[in-house]
N, C-alpha and C. Protein backbone atom coordinates (compact mmCIF):
# COMPACT_ATOMS: atom_id res chain seq x y z
N MET A 1 90.57 147.19 96.72
CA MET A 1 89.72 148.33 96.71
C MET A 1 90.70 149.53 97.22
N TYR A 2 90.86 150.64 96.49
CA TYR A 2 91.66 151.65 96.97
C TYR A 2 90.79 152.87 97.41
N ALA A 3 90.93 153.38 98.56
CA ALA A 3 90.21 154.53 98.96
C ALA A 3 91.13 155.61 99.38
N LEU A 4 90.75 156.86 99.01
CA LEU A 4 91.51 157.97 99.33
C LEU A 4 91.65 158.26 100.79
N GLY A 5 90.63 157.81 101.54
CA GLY A 5 90.58 158.22 102.94
C GLY A 5 89.82 157.07 103.74
N ARG A 6 90.10 157.03 105.06
CA ARG A 6 89.50 156.15 106.06
C ARG A 6 88.74 157.00 107.03
N HIS A 7 87.49 156.82 107.26
CA HIS A 7 86.74 157.54 108.32
C HIS A 7 86.13 156.65 109.39
N LEU A 8 86.72 156.89 110.49
CA LEU A 8 86.33 156.04 111.64
C LEU A 8 85.22 156.76 112.56
N LEU A 9 84.00 156.26 112.70
CA LEU A 9 83.03 156.75 113.42
C LEU A 9 82.99 156.08 114.80
N LEU A 10 83.29 156.84 115.89
CA LEU A 10 83.23 156.16 117.28
C LEU A 10 82.06 156.66 118.01
N GLU A 11 81.49 155.65 118.69
CA GLU A 11 80.43 155.93 119.66
C GLU A 11 81.00 155.43 120.99
N LEU A 12 81.38 156.38 121.90
CA LEU A 12 81.85 156.00 123.25
C LEU A 12 80.81 156.45 124.32
N LYS A 13 80.56 155.23 125.09
CA LYS A 13 79.49 155.28 126.07
C LYS A 13 80.06 154.94 127.52
N ASP A 14 79.41 155.45 128.45
CA ASP A 14 79.79 155.20 129.80
C ASP A 14 81.23 155.76 130.07
N CYS A 15 81.52 156.85 129.57
CA CYS A 15 82.86 157.52 129.80
C CYS A 15 83.06 158.24 131.11
N ASN A 16 84.17 158.61 131.48
CA ASN A 16 84.50 159.32 132.64
C ASN A 16 83.89 160.70 132.45
N MET A 17 82.92 161.08 133.26
CA MET A 17 82.23 162.45 133.12
C MET A 17 83.02 163.64 133.15
N GLU A 18 84.05 163.51 134.05
CA GLU A 18 84.86 164.63 134.32
C GLU A 18 85.83 164.97 133.13
N VAL A 19 86.36 164.07 132.45
CA VAL A 19 87.34 164.22 131.40
C VAL A 19 86.41 164.73 130.10
N LEU A 20 85.09 164.28 130.03
CA LEU A 20 84.20 164.70 128.82
C LEU A 20 84.08 166.31 129.03
N ASP A 21 84.28 166.86 130.18
CA ASP A 21 83.97 168.22 130.33
C ASP A 21 85.19 169.05 130.56
N ASP A 22 86.24 168.48 130.30
CA ASP A 22 87.64 169.03 130.53
C ASP A 22 88.34 169.38 129.31
N LEU A 23 88.06 170.77 128.91
CA LEU A 23 88.61 171.29 127.57
C LEU A 23 90.07 171.04 127.33
N ASP A 24 90.96 171.36 128.33
CA ASP A 24 92.38 171.08 128.17
C ASP A 24 92.72 169.58 128.03
N PHE A 25 92.08 168.67 128.79
CA PHE A 25 92.31 167.38 128.60
C PHE A 25 91.97 166.90 127.30
N LEU A 26 90.92 167.17 126.72
CA LEU A 26 90.41 166.83 125.42
C LEU A 26 91.32 167.45 124.29
N LYS A 27 91.75 168.56 124.51
CA LYS A 27 92.74 169.08 123.45
C LYS A 27 93.96 168.20 123.46
N ASP A 28 94.56 168.03 124.65
CA ASP A 28 95.70 167.19 124.69
C ASP A 28 95.51 165.69 124.14
N CYS A 29 94.23 165.14 124.53
CA CYS A 29 93.96 163.82 124.08
C CYS A 29 93.84 163.66 122.55
N LEU A 30 93.19 164.66 121.87
CA LEU A 30 93.17 164.57 120.45
C LEU A 30 94.44 164.83 119.75
N ASN A 31 95.16 165.72 120.29
CA ASN A 31 96.55 166.12 119.75
C ASN A 31 97.44 164.85 119.96
N GLU A 32 97.30 164.24 121.00
CA GLU A 32 98.20 163.08 121.29
C GLU A 32 97.77 161.88 120.34
N ALA A 33 96.53 161.86 120.14
CA ALA A 33 96.01 160.78 119.23
C ALA A 33 96.57 160.97 117.87
N ALA A 34 96.46 162.24 117.43
CA ALA A 34 96.97 162.55 116.06
C ALA A 34 98.41 162.18 115.91
N VAL A 35 99.23 162.56 116.86
CA VAL A 35 100.61 162.20 116.71
C VAL A 35 100.81 160.75 116.75
N GLN A 36 100.11 160.08 117.77
CA GLN A 36 100.28 158.65 117.92
C GLN A 36 99.94 157.70 116.62
N CYS A 37 99.05 158.29 115.80
CA CYS A 37 98.69 157.56 114.63
C CYS A 37 99.51 157.91 113.49
N GLY A 38 100.53 158.90 113.54
CA GLY A 38 101.41 159.28 112.57
C GLY A 38 101.07 160.42 111.72
N ALA A 39 99.94 161.25 112.14
CA ALA A 39 99.51 162.42 111.46
C ALA A 39 100.35 163.64 111.86
N ILE A 40 100.14 164.58 110.92
CA ILE A 40 100.84 165.93 111.19
C ILE A 40 99.72 166.92 111.52
N VAL A 41 99.92 167.54 112.75
CA VAL A 41 98.87 168.42 113.23
C VAL A 41 99.15 169.77 112.66
N VAL A 42 98.00 170.48 112.05
CA VAL A 42 98.19 171.68 111.43
C VAL A 42 97.32 172.66 112.05
N GLY A 43 96.51 172.39 113.11
CA GLY A 43 95.62 173.32 113.74
C GLY A 43 94.61 172.72 114.64
N GLU A 44 93.88 173.56 115.37
CA GLU A 44 92.84 172.99 116.22
C GLU A 44 91.90 174.10 116.59
N SER A 45 90.60 173.65 116.90
CA SER A 45 89.60 174.59 117.27
C SER A 45 88.73 173.76 118.35
N PHE A 46 88.59 174.42 119.57
CA PHE A 46 87.74 173.75 120.51
C PHE A 46 86.77 174.82 121.16
N TYR A 47 85.69 174.25 121.65
CA TYR A 47 84.77 175.12 122.38
C TYR A 47 84.06 174.41 123.65
N HIS A 48 84.03 175.18 124.64
CA HIS A 48 83.48 174.46 125.99
C HIS A 48 82.08 175.06 126.05
N PHE A 49 81.09 174.25 126.19
CA PHE A 49 79.65 174.89 126.24
C PHE A 49 79.25 175.04 127.64
N SER A 50 78.34 175.83 127.89
CA SER A 50 77.77 176.04 129.28
C SER A 50 76.38 175.53 129.35
N PRO A 51 76.18 174.61 130.34
CA PRO A 51 76.91 174.41 131.50
C PRO A 51 77.95 173.32 131.37
N HIS A 52 77.89 172.48 130.29
CA HIS A 52 78.87 171.46 130.14
C HIS A 52 78.85 170.93 128.70
N GLY A 53 80.02 170.28 128.36
CA GLY A 53 80.12 169.76 127.06
C GLY A 53 81.21 170.50 126.31
N VAL A 54 81.81 169.66 125.37
CA VAL A 54 82.99 170.19 124.65
C VAL A 54 82.86 169.72 123.13
N SER A 55 83.06 170.65 122.18
CA SER A 55 83.17 170.25 120.95
C SER A 55 84.58 170.74 120.34
N GLY A 56 85.19 169.88 119.50
CA GLY A 56 86.57 170.26 119.12
C GLY A 56 87.12 169.47 118.03
N VAL A 57 87.99 170.09 117.27
CA VAL A 57 88.57 169.36 116.13
C VAL A 57 90.09 169.70 116.13
N VAL A 58 90.87 168.62 115.76
CA VAL A 58 92.27 168.75 115.52
C VAL A 58 92.42 168.56 114.01
N ASN A 59 92.93 169.59 113.40
CA ASN A 59 93.08 169.62 111.88
C ASN A 59 94.48 168.97 111.64
N ILE A 60 94.56 167.91 110.92
CA ILE A 60 95.83 167.21 110.53
C ILE A 60 96.00 167.33 109.04
N ALA A 61 97.18 167.27 108.62
CA ALA A 61 97.52 167.35 107.17
C ALA A 61 96.73 166.40 106.42
N GLU A 62 96.50 165.18 107.06
CA GLU A 62 95.78 164.07 106.45
C GLU A 62 94.19 164.10 106.60
N SER A 63 93.67 165.19 107.20
CA SER A 63 92.24 165.45 107.40
C SER A 63 91.84 166.05 108.84
N HIS A 64 91.13 165.22 109.65
CA HIS A 64 90.91 165.66 111.00
C HIS A 64 90.50 164.63 111.88
N ILE A 65 90.48 165.03 113.26
CA ILE A 65 90.00 164.17 114.41
C ILE A 65 89.06 165.18 115.13
N SER A 66 87.80 164.74 115.23
CA SER A 66 86.84 165.61 115.97
C SER A 66 86.13 164.93 117.12
N ILE A 67 85.59 165.77 118.16
CA ILE A 67 84.91 165.23 119.19
C ILE A 67 83.71 166.05 119.63
N HIS A 68 82.72 165.50 120.12
CA HIS A 68 81.62 166.22 120.59
C HIS A 68 81.14 165.41 121.93
N THR A 69 81.08 166.09 122.98
CA THR A 69 80.83 165.45 124.29
C THR A 69 79.52 165.86 125.00
N TRP A 70 78.85 164.80 125.63
CA TRP A 70 77.74 165.09 126.46
C TRP A 70 78.01 164.42 127.75
N PRO A 71 78.70 165.24 128.65
CA PRO A 71 79.09 164.64 130.00
C PRO A 71 77.85 164.11 130.74
N GLU A 72 76.76 164.84 130.71
CA GLU A 72 75.56 164.46 131.48
C GLU A 72 75.03 163.06 131.09
N TYR A 73 75.43 162.60 129.88
CA TYR A 73 75.10 161.15 129.35
C TYR A 73 76.34 160.32 129.31
N ARG A 74 77.42 160.85 129.77
CA ARG A 74 78.64 160.14 129.81
C ARG A 74 78.91 159.45 128.31
N TYR A 75 78.77 160.38 127.29
CA TYR A 75 78.80 160.00 125.97
C TYR A 75 79.74 160.92 125.06
N ALA A 76 80.40 160.38 124.14
CA ALA A 76 81.16 161.21 123.22
C ALA A 76 81.04 160.57 121.83
N ALA A 77 80.93 161.45 120.93
CA ALA A 77 80.99 161.17 119.44
C ALA A 77 82.30 161.52 118.83
N VAL A 78 83.11 160.70 118.21
CA VAL A 78 84.40 160.95 117.71
C VAL A 78 84.46 160.51 116.32
N ASP A 79 85.12 161.42 115.39
CA ASP A 79 85.38 161.00 114.09
C ASP A 79 87.01 161.15 113.85
N VAL A 80 87.48 160.15 113.27
CA VAL A 80 88.90 160.07 112.92
C VAL A 80 88.90 159.95 111.43
N PHE A 81 89.21 161.00 110.68
CA PHE A 81 89.26 160.82 109.30
C PHE A 81 90.63 161.14 108.69
N THR A 82 91.29 160.09 108.08
CA THR A 82 92.54 160.29 107.60
C THR A 82 92.66 159.87 106.11
N CYS A 83 93.50 160.52 105.44
CA CYS A 83 93.85 160.27 103.97
C CYS A 83 95.21 159.74 103.73
N GLY A 84 95.43 158.92 102.83
CA GLY A 84 96.75 158.33 102.48
C GLY A 84 96.93 157.17 103.33
N ASP A 85 98.14 156.54 103.11
CA ASP A 85 98.43 155.31 103.78
C ASP A 85 99.53 155.35 104.84
N LYS A 86 99.90 156.56 105.17
CA LYS A 86 101.09 156.69 106.06
C LYS A 86 100.59 156.91 107.58
N VAL A 87 99.33 156.98 107.85
CA VAL A 87 98.70 156.99 109.04
C VAL A 87 97.90 155.81 109.47
N ALA A 88 97.75 155.65 110.78
CA ALA A 88 96.83 154.44 111.23
C ALA A 88 95.85 155.02 112.12
N PRO A 89 94.71 155.34 111.49
CA PRO A 89 93.60 155.95 112.30
C PRO A 89 93.06 155.09 113.45
N GLU A 90 93.17 153.76 113.29
CA GLU A 90 92.89 152.89 114.44
C GLU A 90 93.61 153.03 115.72
N GLU A 91 94.80 153.49 115.58
CA GLU A 91 95.63 153.83 116.71
C GLU A 91 95.09 155.03 117.43
N ALA A 92 94.68 156.02 116.68
CA ALA A 92 94.12 157.24 117.30
C ALA A 92 92.86 156.88 118.07
N ALA A 93 92.03 156.00 117.45
CA ALA A 93 90.75 155.64 118.04
C ALA A 93 91.03 154.88 119.32
N LYS A 94 91.89 154.03 119.17
CA LYS A 94 92.24 153.22 120.47
C LYS A 94 92.73 154.06 121.72
N LEU A 95 93.59 155.02 121.38
CA LEU A 95 94.07 155.92 122.42
C LEU A 95 92.93 156.70 122.96
N ILE A 96 92.10 157.23 122.18
CA ILE A 96 90.80 158.05 122.68
C ILE A 96 89.92 157.22 123.49
N VAL A 97 89.69 156.03 123.13
CA VAL A 97 88.70 155.16 123.93
C VAL A 97 89.36 155.00 125.24
N GLU A 98 90.60 154.67 125.34
CA GLU A 98 91.36 154.53 126.62
C GLU A 98 91.41 155.71 127.47
N LYS A 99 91.67 156.77 127.02
CA LYS A 99 91.88 158.06 127.70
C LYS A 99 90.47 158.59 128.11
N LEU A 100 89.39 158.39 127.48
CA LEU A 100 88.05 158.84 127.95
C LEU A 100 87.41 157.74 128.81
N GLU A 101 88.15 156.61 129.08
CA GLU A 101 87.65 155.58 129.93
C GLU A 101 86.30 155.09 129.39
N ALA A 102 86.16 154.95 128.21
CA ALA A 102 84.76 154.40 127.68
C ALA A 102 84.68 152.91 128.19
N GLN A 103 83.46 152.64 128.81
CA GLN A 103 83.30 151.27 129.25
C GLN A 103 82.67 150.48 128.05
N SER A 104 82.16 151.15 127.16
CA SER A 104 81.33 150.57 125.91
C SER A 104 81.70 151.58 124.75
N HIS A 105 81.98 150.83 123.73
CA HIS A 105 82.27 151.67 122.47
C HIS A 105 81.99 150.89 121.20
N SER A 106 81.65 151.49 120.11
CA SER A 106 81.54 150.84 118.79
C SER A 106 82.31 151.80 117.78
N LEU A 107 82.66 151.12 116.75
CA LEU A 107 83.50 151.70 115.66
C LEU A 107 82.88 151.27 114.39
N ILE A 108 82.69 152.26 113.46
CA ILE A 108 82.29 152.03 112.10
C ILE A 108 83.31 152.57 111.30
N GLU A 109 83.81 151.84 110.28
CA GLU A 109 84.75 152.50 109.36
C GLU A 109 84.13 152.60 107.90
N LEU A 110 84.37 153.80 107.34
CA LEU A 110 83.89 154.11 105.95
C LEU A 110 85.16 154.43 105.25
N ARG A 111 85.08 153.82 104.01
CA ARG A 111 86.17 154.09 103.07
C ARG A 111 85.56 155.28 102.19
N ARG A 112 86.46 156.31 102.20
CA ARG A 112 85.93 157.52 101.37
C ARG A 112 86.90 157.65 100.20
N GLY A 113 86.16 158.14 99.07
CA GLY A 113 86.97 158.44 97.81
C GLY A 113 87.41 157.14 97.16
N ILE A 114 86.40 156.36 96.88
CA ILE A 114 86.92 155.02 96.18
C ILE A 114 87.28 155.50 94.69
N VAL A 115 88.48 155.10 94.41
CA VAL A 115 89.01 155.59 93.06
C VAL A 115 88.73 154.43 92.07
N VAL A 116 88.07 154.83 90.94
CA VAL A 116 87.76 153.89 89.95
C VAL A 116 88.26 154.25 88.62
N ASP A 117 88.96 153.32 87.92
CA ASP A 117 89.56 153.53 86.62
C ASP A 117 88.44 153.51 85.52
N SER A 118 88.05 154.60 85.08
CA SER A 118 86.88 154.57 84.19
C SER A 118 87.15 153.88 82.82
N GLN A 119 88.39 153.81 82.43
CA GLN A 119 88.62 153.17 81.05
C GLN A 119 88.40 151.63 81.11
N VAL A 120 88.70 150.99 82.23
CA VAL A 120 88.53 149.58 82.35
C VAL A 120 87.47 149.16 83.34
N GLY A 121 87.00 150.02 83.99
CA GLY A 121 85.71 149.81 84.81
C GLY A 121 85.99 149.06 86.16
N CYS A 122 87.29 149.19 86.62
CA CYS A 122 87.63 148.56 87.80
C CYS A 122 88.29 149.45 88.76
N VAL A 123 88.30 148.92 90.03
CA VAL A 123 88.92 149.84 91.11
C VAL A 123 90.41 149.83 90.97
N THR A 124 91.08 151.04 91.01
CA THR A 124 92.59 151.09 90.95
C THR A 124 93.18 150.84 92.30
N LYS A 125 94.32 150.43 92.31
CA LYS A 125 95.20 150.26 93.68
C LYS A 125 96.24 151.28 93.76
C-alpha cells in the first residue's frame, strides 16, 4: 500500500513541566527533530500562552511537526506529518519523547493520501 504521507500522533504524558513551558527549548527541540528525521526546515511559528503553555509548528518541505503543551497537566500533543520516503518521522518522534522526558507516551500512525490506480482498482506502489 502506497501513501503520500505518514502522520504520527503522539500523546506525551508525565513530561518535564519546565520544558513544556520553555518556548526556546521547544523551538530547538522541534527543529532538531526535523533535521534528525531528514526533513528540510522551511519555517516556524510558535506562541507562548499566559500564564503557561506553548503551541508551535516547524514547517518542513515534507509537511510539518507541531506541538501543543499543557505544563500544568505535564502533557503535550505532538503531530509529525511527513510526505515522501526520504524522511523517517519515527526518528523525530523518538527524539521529542526523549527531550520532553515523557514517562508515558502513545503513538498512532495514519497513512495519508492512499494512492489508488482507478483503471485496475488496486493500490499503486
